[in-house]
């Protein structure tokens, strides 16, 4: 599959997986949409950015650097959310980086 299409598709899948618990907790739709589109963009960036890194490291790097602006907003409102948010960002970044690198052409 085309690397860009795969990145966007996997970003959509990870975005849905990330938003499901947010909906059950009762977060606002702007937070849910922000998280969803964050993963779509991260999937696209992992697929298109040319950094000499293994796929997993590239996924972690890109997902964490794109988290930084969001983290300031979340930290300002609820600092306790940063740790689980960072942990899930690393896990999802690993997943996206691995699969985009392995199956993208």
N, C-alpha and C. Protein backbone atom coordinates (compact mmCIF):
# COMPACT_ATOMS: atom_id res chain seq x y z
N UNK A 1 0.84 -1.18 0.00
CA UNK A 1 0.00 0.00 0.00
C UNK A 1 0.88 1.23 0.00
N UNK A 2 0.43 2.29 -0.64
CA UNK A 2 1.13 3.56 -0.65
C UNK A 2 1.38 4.01 0.79
N UNK A 3 2.59 4.47 1.08
CA UNK A 3 3.00 4.82 2.44
C UNK A 3 2.14 5.94 3.02
N UNK A 4 1.82 6.94 2.23
CA UNK A 4 1.02 8.07 2.72
C UNK A 4 -0.40 7.61 3.04
N UNK A 5 -1.00 6.85 2.15
CA UNK A 5 -2.36 6.35 2.41
C UNK A 5 -2.38 5.46 3.65
N UNK A 6 -1.37 4.62 3.78
CA UNK A 6 -1.27 3.75 4.95
C UNK A 6 -1.12 4.58 6.23
N UNK A 7 -0.28 5.60 6.18
CA UNK A 7 -0.09 6.46 7.34
C UNK A 7 -1.38 7.13 7.78
N UNK A 8 -2.12 7.66 6.82
CA UNK A 8 -3.39 8.32 7.14
C UNK A 8 -4.40 7.30 7.65
N UNK A 9 -4.50 6.15 6.99
CA UNK A 9 -5.43 5.10 7.42
C UNK A 9 -5.13 4.62 8.84
N UNK A 10 -3.86 4.33 9.11
CA UNK A 10 -3.50 3.88 10.46
C UNK A 10 -3.67 5.00 11.47
N UNK A 11 -3.44 6.24 11.06
CA UNK A 11 -3.69 7.38 11.94
C UNK A 11 -5.16 7.48 12.32
N UNK A 12 -6.04 7.22 11.36
CA UNK A 12 -7.48 7.21 11.64
C UNK A 12 -7.82 6.10 12.64
N UNK A 13 -7.26 4.91 12.42
CA UNK A 13 -7.53 3.78 13.32
C UNK A 13 -7.05 4.09 14.74
N UNK A 14 -5.81 4.58 14.86
CA UNK A 14 -5.27 4.91 16.18
C UNK A 14 -6.07 6.05 16.80
N UNK A 15 -6.47 7.02 15.99
CA UNK A 15 -7.29 8.13 16.49
C UNK A 15 -8.60 7.64 17.08
N UNK A 16 -9.25 6.72 16.42
CA UNK A 16 -10.50 6.16 16.94
C UNK A 16 -10.24 5.41 18.25
N UNK A 17 -9.17 4.61 18.26
CA UNK A 17 -8.85 3.86 19.48
C UNK A 17 -8.54 4.80 20.63
N UNK A 18 -7.86 5.91 20.35
CA UNK A 18 -7.51 6.87 21.39
C UNK A 18 -8.73 7.62 21.91
N UNK A 19 -9.67 7.90 21.04
CA UNK A 19 -10.83 8.71 21.43
C UNK A 19 -11.90 7.91 22.17
N UNK A 20 -11.98 6.61 21.94
CA UNK A 20 -13.04 5.81 22.58
C UNK A 20 -13.07 5.99 24.09
N UNK A 21 -11.94 5.83 24.81
CA UNK A 21 -12.02 6.04 26.26
C UNK A 21 -12.31 7.49 26.63
N UNK A 22 -11.90 8.43 25.79
CA UNK A 22 -12.16 9.84 26.07
C UNK A 22 -13.66 10.13 26.03
N UNK A 23 -14.37 9.47 25.12
CA UNK A 23 -15.82 9.65 25.03
C UNK A 23 -16.49 9.10 26.29
N UNK A 24 -16.04 7.93 26.75
CA UNK A 24 -16.64 7.33 27.95
C UNK A 24 -16.37 8.13 29.21
N UNK A 25 -15.24 8.82 29.25
CA UNK A 25 -14.91 9.66 30.42
C UNK A 25 -15.72 10.96 30.38
N UNK A 26 -16.22 11.30 29.21
CA UNK A 26 -17.06 12.49 29.09
C UNK A 26 -16.31 13.75 28.72
N UNK A 27 -15.16 13.59 28.05
CA UNK A 27 -14.43 14.77 27.61
C UNK A 27 -15.20 15.49 26.51
N UNK A 28 -14.90 16.75 26.33
CA UNK A 28 -15.61 17.56 25.36
C UNK A 28 -15.25 17.15 23.94
N UNK A 29 -16.14 17.50 23.00
CA UNK A 29 -15.91 17.10 21.61
C UNK A 29 -14.70 17.79 21.01
N UNK A 30 -14.38 19.00 21.48
CA UNK A 30 -13.18 19.64 20.94
C UNK A 30 -11.93 18.87 21.35
N UNK A 31 -11.89 18.33 22.56
CA UNK A 31 -10.76 17.50 22.99
C UNK A 31 -10.71 16.20 22.20
N UNK A 32 -11.87 15.60 21.97
CA UNK A 32 -11.93 14.35 21.20
C UNK A 32 -11.47 14.56 19.76
N UNK A 33 -11.97 15.61 19.13
CA UNK A 33 -11.57 15.90 17.75
C UNK A 33 -10.09 16.25 17.66
N UNK A 34 -9.59 16.98 18.63
CA UNK A 34 -8.17 17.32 18.66
C UNK A 34 -7.31 16.07 18.73
N UNK A 35 -7.67 15.14 19.61
CA UNK A 35 -6.91 13.90 19.74
C UNK A 35 -7.00 13.06 18.46
N UNK A 36 -8.19 12.96 17.89
CA UNK A 36 -8.37 12.18 16.67
C UNK A 36 -7.50 12.73 15.55
N UNK A 37 -7.60 14.02 15.28
CA UNK A 37 -6.85 14.60 14.18
C UNK A 37 -5.35 14.66 14.46
N UNK A 38 -4.98 14.69 15.72
CA UNK A 38 -3.56 14.60 16.06
C UNK A 38 -2.99 13.31 15.50
N UNK A 39 -3.69 12.20 15.67
CA UNK A 39 -3.19 10.91 15.19
C UNK A 39 -3.22 10.79 13.68
N UNK A 40 -4.20 11.40 13.04
CA UNK A 40 -4.23 11.40 11.58
C UNK A 40 -3.01 12.15 11.05
N UNK A 41 -2.70 13.29 11.64
CA UNK A 41 -1.53 14.07 11.23
C UNK A 41 -0.24 13.33 11.54
N UNK A 42 -0.16 12.70 12.71
CA UNK A 42 1.04 11.94 13.07
C UNK A 42 1.26 10.80 12.08
N UNK A 43 0.22 10.08 11.72
CA UNK A 43 0.35 9.02 10.72
C UNK A 43 0.87 9.56 9.40
N UNK A 44 0.34 10.69 8.97
CA UNK A 44 0.80 11.32 7.74
C UNK A 44 2.28 11.73 7.85
N UNK A 45 2.64 12.34 8.97
CA UNK A 45 4.02 12.79 9.14
C UNK A 45 5.01 11.63 9.19
N UNK A 46 4.66 10.58 9.89
CA UNK A 46 5.55 9.41 9.95
C UNK A 46 5.78 8.86 8.54
N UNK A 47 4.74 8.87 7.74
CA UNK A 47 4.84 8.33 6.38
C UNK A 47 5.63 9.24 5.46
N UNK A 48 5.67 10.54 5.71
CA UNK A 48 6.27 11.46 4.75
C UNK A 48 7.60 12.06 5.18
N UNK A 49 7.85 12.19 6.47
CA UNK A 49 9.09 12.81 6.93
C UNK A 49 10.26 11.86 6.69
N UNK A 50 11.33 12.41 6.13
CA UNK A 50 12.51 11.60 5.81
C UNK A 50 13.60 11.84 6.86
N UNK A 51 13.53 11.07 7.93
CA UNK A 51 14.54 11.12 8.98
C UNK A 51 15.19 9.74 9.00
N UNK A 52 16.49 9.73 9.09
CA UNK A 52 17.21 8.45 9.09
C UNK A 52 17.09 7.78 10.46
N UNK A 53 15.94 7.18 10.72
CA UNK A 53 15.66 6.46 11.96
C UNK A 53 14.89 5.21 11.62
N UNK A 54 14.98 4.23 12.48
CA UNK A 54 14.13 3.05 12.33
C UNK A 54 12.68 3.49 12.53
N UNK A 55 11.76 2.73 11.97
CA UNK A 55 10.34 3.10 12.01
C UNK A 55 9.80 3.33 13.40
N UNK A 56 10.17 2.47 14.34
CA UNK A 56 9.66 2.59 15.71
C UNK A 56 10.16 3.89 16.35
N UNK A 57 11.45 4.18 16.20
CA UNK A 57 12.01 5.41 16.78
C UNK A 57 11.42 6.65 16.12
N UNK A 58 11.23 6.58 14.82
CA UNK A 58 10.61 7.68 14.09
C UNK A 58 9.19 7.92 14.58
N UNK A 59 8.46 6.85 14.82
CA UNK A 59 7.10 6.97 15.34
C UNK A 59 7.07 7.63 16.72
N UNK A 60 7.99 7.21 17.59
CA UNK A 60 8.06 7.81 18.92
C UNK A 60 8.43 9.28 18.80
N UNK A 61 9.47 9.57 18.03
CA UNK A 61 9.96 10.94 17.90
C UNK A 61 8.87 11.88 17.39
N UNK A 62 8.23 11.52 16.29
CA UNK A 62 7.23 12.40 15.70
C UNK A 62 6.00 12.53 16.59
N UNK A 63 5.56 11.43 17.18
CA UNK A 63 4.37 11.52 18.03
C UNK A 63 4.64 12.36 19.28
N UNK A 64 5.84 12.25 19.84
CA UNK A 64 6.14 13.02 21.06
C UNK A 64 6.33 14.51 20.73
N UNK A 65 7.03 14.84 19.63
CA UNK A 65 7.22 16.26 19.34
C UNK A 65 5.90 16.95 18.95
N UNK A 66 4.98 16.20 18.36
CA UNK A 66 3.68 16.80 18.06
C UNK A 66 2.79 16.87 19.29
N UNK A 67 3.12 16.10 20.32
CA UNK A 67 2.36 16.14 21.57
C UNK A 67 2.68 17.39 22.38
N UNK A 68 3.88 17.94 22.23
CA UNK A 68 4.33 19.03 23.09
C UNK A 68 3.33 20.20 23.15
N UNK A 69 2.86 20.75 22.02
CA UNK A 69 1.89 21.86 22.14
C UNK A 69 0.60 21.44 22.84
N UNK A 70 0.13 20.23 22.55
CA UNK A 70 -1.08 19.74 23.21
C UNK A 70 -0.86 19.55 24.71
N UNK A 71 0.33 19.08 25.05
CA UNK A 71 0.64 18.81 26.46
C UNK A 71 0.58 20.08 27.30
N UNK A 72 1.02 21.20 26.75
CA UNK A 72 0.93 22.46 27.50
C UNK A 72 -0.52 22.83 27.79
N UNK A 73 -1.38 22.64 26.81
CA UNK A 73 -2.80 22.95 27.01
C UNK A 73 -3.42 22.03 28.05
N UNK A 74 -3.11 20.75 27.96
CA UNK A 74 -3.67 19.78 28.91
C UNK A 74 -3.10 20.02 30.30
N UNK A 75 -1.80 20.24 30.39
CA UNK A 75 -1.15 20.47 31.68
C UNK A 75 -1.73 21.69 32.38
N UNK A 76 -2.01 22.72 31.61
CA UNK A 76 -2.57 23.95 32.17
C UNK A 76 -3.93 23.68 32.83
N UNK A 77 -4.71 22.81 32.22
CA UNK A 77 -6.05 22.52 32.73
C UNK A 77 -6.06 21.40 33.76
N UNK A 78 -5.28 20.32 33.50
CA UNK A 78 -5.28 19.16 34.39
C UNK A 78 -3.93 18.45 34.29
N UNK A 79 -2.99 18.82 35.15
CA UNK A 79 -1.64 18.30 35.09
C UNK A 79 -1.52 16.81 35.27
N UNK A 80 -2.47 16.20 35.95
CA UNK A 80 -2.38 14.75 36.19
C UNK A 80 -2.60 13.91 34.93
N UNK A 81 -3.09 14.51 33.88
CA UNK A 81 -3.34 13.77 32.64
C UNK A 81 -2.10 13.61 31.78
N UNK A 82 -1.04 14.32 32.10
CA UNK A 82 0.15 14.32 31.25
C UNK A 82 0.81 12.94 31.20
N UNK A 83 0.92 12.26 32.33
CA UNK A 83 1.63 10.97 32.36
C UNK A 83 0.92 9.92 31.51
N UNK A 84 -0.38 9.67 31.69
CA UNK A 84 -1.02 8.68 30.81
C UNK A 84 -1.07 9.13 29.35
N UNK A 85 -1.17 10.42 29.13
CA UNK A 85 -1.20 10.94 27.77
C UNK A 85 0.15 10.70 27.08
N UNK A 86 1.24 10.93 27.78
CA UNK A 86 2.57 10.69 27.23
C UNK A 86 2.81 9.20 27.00
N UNK A 87 2.38 8.38 27.94
CA UNK A 87 2.56 6.93 27.80
C UNK A 87 1.80 6.41 26.58
N UNK A 88 0.55 6.83 26.42
CA UNK A 88 -0.21 6.36 25.27
C UNK A 88 0.36 6.91 23.97
N UNK A 89 0.90 8.11 24.00
CA UNK A 89 1.53 8.69 22.81
C UNK A 89 2.72 7.85 22.37
N UNK A 90 3.54 7.42 23.33
CA UNK A 90 4.70 6.59 23.00
C UNK A 90 4.25 5.25 22.43
N UNK A 91 3.27 4.63 23.07
CA UNK A 91 2.78 3.32 22.61
C UNK A 91 2.19 3.43 21.20
N UNK A 92 1.33 4.41 20.98
CA UNK A 92 0.72 4.57 19.66
C UNK A 92 1.76 4.98 18.61
N UNK A 93 2.75 5.77 19.01
CA UNK A 93 3.83 6.14 18.10
C UNK A 93 4.63 4.93 17.66
N UNK A 94 4.90 4.01 18.60
CA UNK A 94 5.61 2.77 18.27
C UNK A 94 4.79 1.96 17.26
N UNK A 95 3.50 1.83 17.52
CA UNK A 95 2.64 1.04 16.64
C UNK A 95 2.60 1.65 15.24
N UNK A 96 2.36 2.97 15.17
CA UNK A 96 2.31 3.61 13.85
C UNK A 96 3.65 3.50 13.13
N UNK A 97 4.73 3.81 13.83
CA UNK A 97 6.05 3.76 13.21
C UNK A 97 6.39 2.38 12.69
N UNK A 98 6.08 1.36 13.47
CA UNK A 98 6.38 -0.01 13.06
C UNK A 98 5.60 -0.40 11.81
N UNK A 99 4.28 -0.22 11.84
CA UNK A 99 3.45 -0.69 10.73
C UNK A 99 3.64 0.15 9.46
N UNK A 100 3.85 1.46 9.60
CA UNK A 100 4.07 2.28 8.42
C UNK A 100 5.41 1.92 7.78
N UNK A 101 6.41 1.69 8.60
CA UNK A 101 7.72 1.31 8.07
C UNK A 101 7.70 -0.07 7.43
N UNK A 102 6.99 -0.99 8.05
CA UNK A 102 6.98 -2.38 7.58
C UNK A 102 6.11 -2.57 6.32
N UNK A 103 4.95 -1.94 6.28
CA UNK A 103 4.00 -2.21 5.20
C UNK A 103 3.83 -1.07 4.18
N UNK A 104 4.42 0.08 4.45
CA UNK A 104 4.31 1.19 3.49
C UNK A 104 5.33 1.05 2.38
N UNK A 105 4.91 1.37 1.16
CA UNK A 105 5.82 1.27 0.01
C UNK A 105 5.96 2.61 -0.65
